[in-house]
PDB file of N, CA and C in Angstrom:
ATOM      1  N   MET A   1     -64.866  43.506  80.333  1.00  0.00           N
ATOM      2  CA  MET A   1     -66.174  43.636  80.935  1.00  0.00           C
ATOM      3  C   MET A   1     -66.949  42.342  80.685  1.00  0.00           C
ATOM      4  N   GLN A   2     -67.587  41.807  81.700  1.00  0.00           N
ATOM      5  CA  GLN A   2     -68.386  40.601  81.560  1.00  0.00           C
ATOM      6  C   GLN A   2     -69.809  40.984  81.192  1.00  0.00           C
ATOM      7  N   MET A   3     -70.355  40.224  80.246  1.00  0.00           N
ATOM      8  CA  MET A   3     -71.729  40.448  79.821  1.00  0.00           C
ATOM      9  C   MET A   3     -72.435  39.102  79.810  1.00  0.00           C
ATOM     10  N   LEU A   4     -73.726  39.106  80.072  1.00  0.00           N
ATOM     11  CA  LEU A   4     -74.514  37.886  80.056  1.00  0.00           C
ATOM     12  C   LEU A   4     -75.163  37.731  78.695  1.00  0.00           C
ATOM     13  N   HIS A   5     -74.854  36.621  78.028  1.00  0.00           N
ATOM     14  CA  HIS A   5     -75.450  36.319  76.729  1.00  0.00           C
ATOM     15  C   HIS A   5     -76.215  35.021  76.881  1.00  0.00           C
ATOM     16  N   VAL A   6     -77.489  35.043  76.521  1.00  0.00           N
ATOM     17  CA  VAL A   6     -78.345  33.904  76.813  1.00  0.00           C
ATOM     18  C   VAL A   6     -78.919  33.208  75.587  1.00  0.00           C
ATOM     19  N   SER A   7     -78.566  33.642  74.398  1.00  0.00           N
ATOM     20  CA  SER A   7     -79.096  33.003  73.198  1.00  0.00           C
ATOM     21  C   SER A   7     -78.024  32.988  72.109  1.00  0.00           C
ATOM     22  N   PRO A   8     -78.187  32.133  71.101  1.00  0.00           N
ATOM     23  CA  PRO A   8     -77.241  32.151  69.985  1.00  0.00           C
ATOM     24  C   PRO A   8     -77.160  33.523  69.316  1.00  0.00           C
ATOM     25  N   LYS A   9     -78.279  34.217  69.238  1.00  0.00           N
ATOM     26  CA  LYS A   9     -78.292  35.558  68.634  1.00  0.00           C
ATOM     27  C   LYS A   9     -77.445  36.528  69.465  1.00  0.00           C
ATOM     28  N   ASP A  10     -77.585  36.481  70.785  1.00  0.00           N
ATOM     29  CA  ASP A  10     -76.777  37.327  71.677  1.00  0.00           C
ATOM     30  C   ASP A  10     -75.291  37.057  71.498  1.00  0.00           C
ATOM     31  N   ILE A  11     -74.938  35.773  71.455  1.00  0.00           N
ATOM     32  CA  ILE A  11     -73.531  35.404  71.304  1.00  0.00           C
ATOM     33  C   ILE A  11     -73.010  35.866  69.946  1.00  0.00           C
ATOM     34  N   GLY A  12     -73.801  35.648  68.901  1.00  0.00           N
ATOM     35  CA  GLY A  12     -73.393  36.069  67.566  1.00  0.00           C
ATOM     36  C   GLY A  12     -73.174  37.563  67.462  1.00  0.00           C
ATOM     37  N   THR A  13     -74.068  38.330  68.054  1.00  0.00           N
ATOM     38  CA  THR A  13     -73.945  39.789  68.042  1.00  0.00           C
ATOM     39  C   THR A  13     -72.679  40.225  68.782  1.00  0.00           C
ATOM     40  N   ALA A  14     -72.419  39.597  69.918  1.00  0.00           N
ATOM     41  CA  ALA A  14     -71.215  39.936  70.683  1.00  0.00           C
ATOM     42  C   ALA A  14     -69.949  39.588  69.892  1.00  0.00           C
ATOM     43  N   LEU A  15     -69.948  38.421  69.246  1.00  0.00           N
ATOM     44  CA  LEU A  15     -68.782  38.029  68.448  1.00  0.00           C
ATOM     45  C   LEU A  15     -68.549  38.995  67.290  1.00  0.00           C
ATOM     46  N   ARG A  16     -69.627  39.422  66.631  1.00  0.00           N
ATOM     47  CA  ARG A  16     -69.498  40.380  65.526  1.00  0.00           C
ATOM     48  C   ARG A  16     -68.887  41.693  66.019  1.00  0.00           C
ATOM     49  N   THR A  17     -69.390  42.179  67.144  1.00  0.00           N
ATOM     50  CA  THR A  17     -68.894  43.436  67.708  1.00  0.00           C
ATOM     51  C   THR A  17     -67.402  43.336  68.023  1.00  0.00           C
ATOM     52  N   ILE A  18     -67.004  42.253  68.657  1.00  0.00           N
ATOM     53  CA  ILE A  18     -65.600  42.078  69.031  1.00  0.00           C
ATOM     54  C   ILE A  18     -64.723  41.901  67.790  1.00  0.00           C
ATOM     55  N   ARG A  19     -65.210  41.140  66.811  1.00  0.00           N
ATOM     56  CA  ARG A  19     -64.451  40.956  65.571  1.00  0.00           C
ATOM     57  C   ARG A  19     -64.187  42.299  64.901  1.00  0.00           C
ATOM     58  N   LYS A  20     -65.222  43.134  64.823  1.00  0.00           N
ATOM     59  CA  LYS A  20     -65.073  44.446  64.198  1.00  0.00           C
ATOM     60  C   LYS A  20     -64.139  45.342  65.003  1.00  0.00           C
ATOM     61  N   GLU A  21     -64.214  45.278  66.333  1.00  0.00           N
ATOM     62  CA  GLU A  21     -63.308  46.060  67.174  1.00  0.00           C
ATOM     63  C   GLU A  21     -61.855  45.684  66.922  1.00  0.00           C
ATOM     64  N   LYS A  22     -61.620  44.430  66.570  1.00  0.00           N
ATOM     65  CA  LYS A  22     -60.268  43.961  66.294  1.00  0.00           C
ATOM     66  C   LYS A  22     -59.867  44.202  64.837  1.00  0.00           C
ATOM     67  N   GLY A  23     -60.772  44.804  64.053  1.00  0.00           N
ATOM     68  CA  GLY A  23     -60.457  45.158  62.674  1.00  0.00           C
ATOM     69  C   GLY A  23     -60.364  43.969  61.726  1.00  0.00           C
ATOM     70  N   LEU A  24     -61.099  42.911  62.032  1.00  0.00           N
ATOM     71  CA  LEU A  24     -61.075  41.716  61.192  1.00  0.00           C
ATOM     72  C   LEU A  24     -62.342  41.598  60.361  1.00  0.00           C
ATOM     73  N   SER A  25     -62.202  41.129  59.145  1.00  0.00           N
ATOM     74  CA  SER A  25     -63.372  40.790  58.339  1.00  0.00           C
ATOM     75  C   SER A  25     -63.780  39.359  58.703  1.00  0.00           C
ATOM     76  N   GLN A  26     -64.967  38.962  58.302  1.00  0.00           N
ATOM     77  CA  GLN A  26     -65.401  37.589  58.541  1.00  0.00           C
ATOM     78  C   GLN A  26     -64.464  36.617  57.826  1.00  0.00           C
ATOM     79  N   LYS A  27     -64.038  36.978  56.632  1.00  0.00           N
ATOM     80  CA  LYS A  27     -63.146  36.118  55.870  1.00  0.00           C
ATOM     81  C   LYS A  27     -61.808  35.947  56.580  1.00  0.00           C
ATOM     82  N   GLU A  28     -61.240  37.056  57.082  1.00  0.00           N
ATOM     83  CA  GLU A  28     -59.950  36.991  57.789  1.00  0.00           C
ATOM     84  C   GLU A  28     -60.053  36.128  59.042  1.00  0.00           C
ATOM     85  N   LEU A  29     -61.130  36.328  59.799  1.00  0.00           N
ATOM     86  CA  LEU A  29     -61.317  35.538  61.020  1.00  0.00           C
ATOM     87  C   LEU A  29     -61.472  34.066  60.672  1.00  0.00           C
ATOM     88  N   GLY A  30     -62.274  33.790  59.668  1.00  0.00           N
ATOM     89  CA  GLY A  30     -62.466  32.403  59.251  1.00  0.00           C
ATOM     90  C   GLY A  30     -61.173  31.743  58.818  1.00  0.00           C
ATOM     91  N   GLN A  31     -60.349  32.471  58.097  1.00  0.00           N
ATOM     92  CA  GLN A  31     -59.069  31.922  57.644  1.00  0.00           C
ATOM     93  C   GLN A  31     -58.169  31.577  58.824  1.00  0.00           C
ATOM     94  N   ARG A  32     -58.225  32.355  59.873  1.00  0.00           N
ATOM     95  CA  ARG A  32     -57.399  32.091  61.064  1.00  0.00           C
ATOM     96  C   ARG A  32     -57.756  30.779  61.745  1.00  0.00           C
ATOM     97  N   ILE A  33     -59.028  30.378  61.619  1.00  0.00           N
ATOM     98  CA  ILE A  33     -59.481  29.206  62.373  1.00  0.00           C
ATOM     99  C   ILE A  33     -59.987  28.065  61.491  1.00  0.00           C
ATOM    100  N   GLY A  34     -59.848  28.213  60.186  1.00  0.00           N
ATOM    101  CA  GLY A  34     -60.236  27.132  59.290  1.00  0.00           C
ATOM    102  C   GLY A  34     -61.713  27.040  58.988  1.00  0.00           C
ATOM    103  N   LEU A  35     -62.419  28.160  59.044  1.00  0.00           N
ATOM    104  CA  LEU A  35     -63.834  28.214  58.657  1.00  0.00           C
ATOM    105  C   LEU A  35     -63.977  29.155  57.470  1.00  0.00           C
ATOM    106  N   ASP A  36     -64.974  28.897  56.642  1.00  0.00           N
ATOM    107  CA  ASP A  36     -65.197  29.838  55.551  1.00  0.00           C
ATOM    108  C   ASP A  36     -66.030  31.027  56.042  1.00  0.00           C
ATOM    109  N   GLN A  37     -66.051  32.078  55.267  1.00  0.00           N
ATOM    110  CA  GLN A  37     -66.743  33.317  55.632  1.00  0.00           C
ATOM    111  C   GLN A  37     -68.222  33.063  55.895  1.00  0.00           C
ATOM    112  N   LYS A  38     -68.840  32.171  55.111  1.00  0.00           N
ATOM    113  CA  LYS A  38     -70.269  31.882  55.275  1.00  0.00           C
ATOM    114  C   LYS A  38     -70.562  31.311  56.664  1.00  0.00           C
ATOM    115  N   LYS A  39     -69.689  30.427  57.155  1.00  0.00           N
ATOM    116  CA  LYS A  39     -69.889  29.823  58.482  1.00  0.00           C
ATOM    117  C   LYS A  39     -69.766  30.888  59.579  1.00  0.00           C
ATOM    118  N   VAL A  40     -68.780  31.785  59.437  1.00  0.00           N
ATOM    119  CA  VAL A  40     -68.632  32.876  60.411  1.00  0.00           C
ATOM    120  C   VAL A  40     -69.893  33.735  60.406  1.00  0.00           C
ATOM    121  N   SER A  41     -70.417  34.020  59.222  1.00  0.00           N
ATOM    122  CA  SER A  41     -71.639  34.811  59.111  1.00  0.00           C
ATOM    123  C   SER A  41     -72.817  34.115  59.799  1.00  0.00           C
ATOM    124  N   LEU A  42     -72.955  32.810  59.581  1.00  0.00           N
ATOM    125  CA  LEU A  42     -74.043  32.065  60.230  1.00  0.00           C
ATOM    126  C   LEU A  42     -73.950  32.157  61.751  1.00  0.00           C
ATOM    127  N   ILE A  43     -72.733  32.030  62.270  1.00  0.00           N
ATOM    128  CA  ILE A  43     -72.541  32.116  63.724  1.00  0.00           C
ATOM    129  C   ILE A  43     -72.909  33.506  64.218  1.00  0.00           C
ATOM    130  N   GLU A  44     -72.433  34.542  63.521  1.00  0.00           N
ATOM    131  CA  GLU A  44     -72.721  35.914  63.948  1.00  0.00           C
ATOM    132  C   GLU A  44     -74.201  36.267  63.833  1.00  0.00           C
ATOM    133  N   ASN A  45     -74.920  35.552  62.979  1.00  0.00           N
ATOM    134  CA  ASN A  45     -76.348  35.801  62.834  1.00  0.00           C
ATOM    135  C   ASN A  45     -77.197  34.928  63.745  1.00  0.00           C
ATOM    136  N   GLY A  46     -76.554  34.203  64.652  1.00  0.00           N
ATOM    137  CA  GLY A  46     -77.279  33.476  65.685  1.00  0.00           C
ATOM    138  C   GLY A  46     -77.774  32.110  65.284  1.00  0.00           C
ATOM    139  N   ASN A  47     -77.177  31.497  64.266  1.00  0.00           N
ATOM    140  CA  ASN A  47     -77.580  30.151  63.877  1.00  0.00           C
ATOM    141  C   ASN A  47     -77.375  29.209  65.058  1.00  0.00           C
ATOM    142  N   PRO A  48     -78.451  28.539  65.503  1.00  0.00           N
ATOM    143  CA  PRO A  48     -78.319  27.674  66.678  1.00  0.00           C
ATOM    144  C   PRO A  48     -77.661  26.327  66.376  1.00  0.00           C
ATOM    145  N   ASN A  49     -77.428  26.020  65.105  1.00  0.00           N
ATOM    146  CA  ASN A  49     -76.865  24.722  64.723  1.00  0.00           C
ATOM    147  C   ASN A  49     -75.376  24.817  64.447  1.00  0.00           C
ATOM    148  N   VAL A  50     -74.650  25.391  65.379  1.00  0.00           N
ATOM    149  CA  VAL A  50     -73.215  25.584  65.246  1.00  0.00           C
ATOM    150  C   VAL A  50     -72.501  24.570  66.123  1.00  0.00           C
ATOM    151  N   ARG A  51     -71.453  23.992  65.586  1.00  0.00           N
ATOM    152  CA  ARG A  51     -70.663  23.048  66.371  1.00  0.00           C
ATOM    153  C   ARG A  51     -69.941  23.794  67.491  1.00  0.00           C
ATOM    154  N   VAL A  52     -69.900  23.174  68.630  1.00  0.00           N
ATOM    155  CA  VAL A  52     -69.260  23.778  69.798  1.00  0.00           C
ATOM    156  C   VAL A  52     -67.780  24.031  69.526  1.00  0.00           C
ATOM    157  N   ASP A  53     -67.123  23.122  68.824  1.00  0.00           N
ATOM    158  CA  ASP A  53     -65.704  23.324  68.557  1.00  0.00           C
ATOM    159  C   ASP A  53     -65.471  24.548  67.672  1.00  0.00           C
ATOM    160  N   SER A  54     -66.411  24.854  66.778  1.00  0.00           N
ATOM    161  CA  SER A  54     -66.290  26.066  65.958  1.00  0.00           C
ATOM    162  C   SER A  54     -66.381  27.312  66.831  1.00  0.00           C
ATOM    163  N   LEU A  55     -67.290  27.294  67.791  1.00  0.00           N
ATOM    164  CA  LEU A  55     -67.411  28.430  68.711  1.00  0.00           C
ATOM    165  C   LEU A  55     -66.132  28.612  69.522  1.00  0.00           C
ATOM    166  N   PHE A  56     -65.585  27.511  70.026  1.00  0.00           N
ATOM    167  CA  PHE A  56     -64.366  27.604  70.823  1.00  0.00           C
ATOM    168  C   PHE A  56     -63.197  28.130  69.992  1.00  0.00           C
ATOM    169  N   ARG A  57     -63.122  27.740  68.729  1.00  0.00           N
ATOM    170  CA  ARG A  57     -62.058  28.263  67.865  1.00  0.00           C
ATOM    171  C   ARG A  57     -62.236  29.765  67.647  1.00  0.00           C
ATOM    172  N   LEU A  58     -63.491  30.200  67.470  1.00  0.00           N
ATOM    173  CA  LEU A  58     -63.759  31.643  67.338  1.00  0.00           C
ATOM    174  C   LEU A  58     -63.368  32.380  68.610  1.00  0.00           C
ATOM    175  N   PHE A  59     -63.783  31.851  69.753  1.00  0.00           N
ATOM    176  CA  PHE A  59     -63.438  32.490  71.028  1.00  0.00           C
ATOM    177  C   PHE A  59     -61.924  32.624  71.160  1.00  0.00           C
ATOM    178  N   SER A  60     -61.216  31.564  70.838  1.00  0.00           N
ATOM    179  CA  SER A  60     -59.763  31.580  70.952  1.00  0.00           C
ATOM    180  C   SER A  60     -59.148  32.620  70.019  1.00  0.00           C
ATOM    181  N   ALA A  61     -59.601  32.663  68.769  1.00  0.00           N
ATOM    182  CA  ALA A  61     -59.054  33.612  67.793  1.00  0.00           C
ATOM    183  C   ALA A  61     -59.318  35.059  68.201  1.00  0.00           C
ATOM    184  N   LEU A  62     -60.425  35.290  68.903  1.00  0.00           N
ATOM    185  CA  LEU A  62     -60.772  36.643  69.345  1.00  0.00           C
ATOM    186  C   LEU A  62     -60.273  36.922  70.766  1.00  0.00           C
ATOM    187  N   GLU A  63     -59.513  35.984  71.318  1.00  0.00           N
ATOM    188  CA  GLU A  63     -58.951  36.103  72.669  1.00  0.00           C
ATOM    189  C   GLU A  63     -60.037  36.280  73.724  1.00  0.00           C
ATOM    190  N   LEU A  64     -61.047  35.408  73.639  1.00  0.00           N
ATOM    191  CA  LEU A  64     -62.169  35.439  74.575  1.00  0.00           C
ATOM    192  C   LEU A  64     -62.166  34.171  75.415  1.00  0.00           C
ATOM    193  N   GLY A  65     -62.765  34.264  76.579  1.00  0.00           N
ATOM    194  CA  GLY A  65     -62.947  33.111  77.448  1.00  0.00           C
ATOM    195  C   GLY A  65     -64.417  32.963  77.792  1.00  0.00           C
ATOM    196  N   ILE A  66     -64.732  31.865  78.407  1.00  0.00           N
ATOM    197  CA  ILE A  66     -66.111  31.583  78.802  1.00  0.00           C
ATOM    198  C   ILE A  66     -66.144  31.403  80.313  1.00  0.00           C
ATOM    199  N   ILE A  67     -67.134  31.992  80.925  1.00  0.00           N
ATOM    200  CA  ILE A  67     -67.368  31.809  82.351  1.00  0.00           C
ATOM    201  C   ILE A  67     -68.750  31.188  82.503  1.00  0.00           C
ATOM    202  N   LEU A  68     -68.807  30.049  83.168  1.00  0.00           N
ATOM    203  CA  LEU A  68     -70.094  29.398  83.428  1.00  0.00           C
ATOM    204  C   LEU A  68     -70.494  29.709  84.857  1.00  0.00           C
ATOM    205  N   GLN A  69     -71.735  30.131  85.006  1.00  0.00           N
ATOM    206  CA  GLN A  69     -72.234  30.417  86.339  1.00  0.00           C
ATOM    207  C   GLN A  69     -73.717  30.099  86.384  1.00  0.00           C
ATOM    208  N   PRO A  70     -74.204  29.749  87.555  1.00  0.00           N
ATOM    209  CA  PRO A  70     -75.632  29.454  87.665  1.00  0.00           C
ATOM    210  C   PRO A  70     -76.458  30.721  87.428  1.00  0.00           C
ATOM    211  N   LYS A  71     -77.637  30.504  86.883  1.00  0.00           N
ATOM    212  CA  LYS A  71     -78.559  31.625  86.739  1.00  0.00           C
ATOM    213  C   LYS A  71     -79.001  32.066  88.130  1.00  0.00           C
ATOM    214  N   ALA A  72     -79.278  33.340  88.252  1.00  0.00           N
ATOM    215  CA  ALA A  72     -79.805  33.842  89.519  1.00  0.00           C
ATOM    216  C   ALA A  72     -81.206  33.270  89.705  1.00  0.00           C
ATOM    217  N   LEU A  73     -81.441  32.737  90.880  1.00  0.00           N
ATOM    218  CA  LEU A  73     -82.767  32.191  91.168  1.00  0.00           C
ATOM    219  C   LEU A  73     -83.726  33.327  91.489  1.00  0.00           C
ATOM    220  N   PRO A  74     -84.978  33.184  91.084  1.00  0.00           N
ATOM    221  CA  PRO A  74     -85.941  34.232  91.430  1.00  0.00           C
ATOM    222  C   PRO A  74     -86.118  34.319  92.939  1.00  0.00           C
ATOM    223  N   LYS A  75     -86.364  35.514  93.402  1.00  0.00           N
ATOM    224  CA  LYS A  75     -86.585  35.708  94.829  1.00  0.00           C
ATOM    225  C   LYS A  75     -87.903  35.042  95.206  1.00  0.00           C
ATOM    226  N   PRO A  76     -87.900  34.325  96.334  1.00  0.00           N
ATOM    227  CA  PRO A  76     -89.153  33.675  96.740  1.00  0.00           C
ATOM    228  C   PRO A  76     -90.203  34.717  97.071  1.00  0.00           C
ATOM    229  N   SER A  77     -91.404  34.451  96.611  1.00  0.00           N
ATOM    230  CA  SER A  77     -92.495  35.388  96.921  1.00  0.00           C
ATOM    231  C   SER A  77     -92.987  35.107  98.343  1.00  0.00           C
ATOM    232  N   ASN A  78     -93.519  36.123  98.928  1.00  0.00           N
ATOM    233  CA  ASN A  78     -94.072  35.961 100.280  1.00  0.00           C
ATOM    234  C   ASN A  78     -95.415  35.278 100.139  1.00  0.00           C
ATOM    235  N   GLN A  79     -95.486  34.021 100.522  1.00  0.00           N
ATOM    236  CA  GLN A  79     -96.703  33.236 100.339  1.00  0.00           C
ATOM    237  C   GLN A  79     -97.816  33.651 101.294  1.00  0.00           C
ATOM    238  N   ASN A  80     -97.501  34.518 102.240  1.00  0.00           N
ATOM    239  CA  ASN A  80     -98.524  34.983 103.165  1.00  0.00           C
ATOM    240  C   ASN A  80     -99.284  36.182 102.637  1.00  0.00           C
ATOM    241  N   ASP A  81     -98.917  36.666 101.459  1.00  0.00           N
ATOM    242  CA  ASP A  81     -99.641  37.787 100.854  1.00  0.00           C
ATOM    243  C   ASP A  81    -100.930  37.275 100.232  1.00  0.00           C
ATOM    244  N   TRP A  82    -102.029  37.570 100.844  1.00  0.00           N
ATOM    245  CA  TRP A  82    -103.310  37.104 100.346  1.00  0.00           C
ATOM    246  C   TRP A  82    -104.022  38.257  99.837  1.00  0.00           C
TER     247      TRP A  82
END
């Protein structure tokens, strides 16, 4: 299922949920990708100062992919409404 995540906190929450669904502890996940448990915790708690390569390693370990798409543009308002 595709979900839209728009902030580091959203991404962290999603990663935590998926990690738990896979039955992994933060320590186990970190060991798989060469990060310590504290770094995994920071990512799951929405720390915005995370290296992109760390995120990609987490995505890979959790068998996740990324889809980039433009944001939906707001519908133009009817400028004739006075």
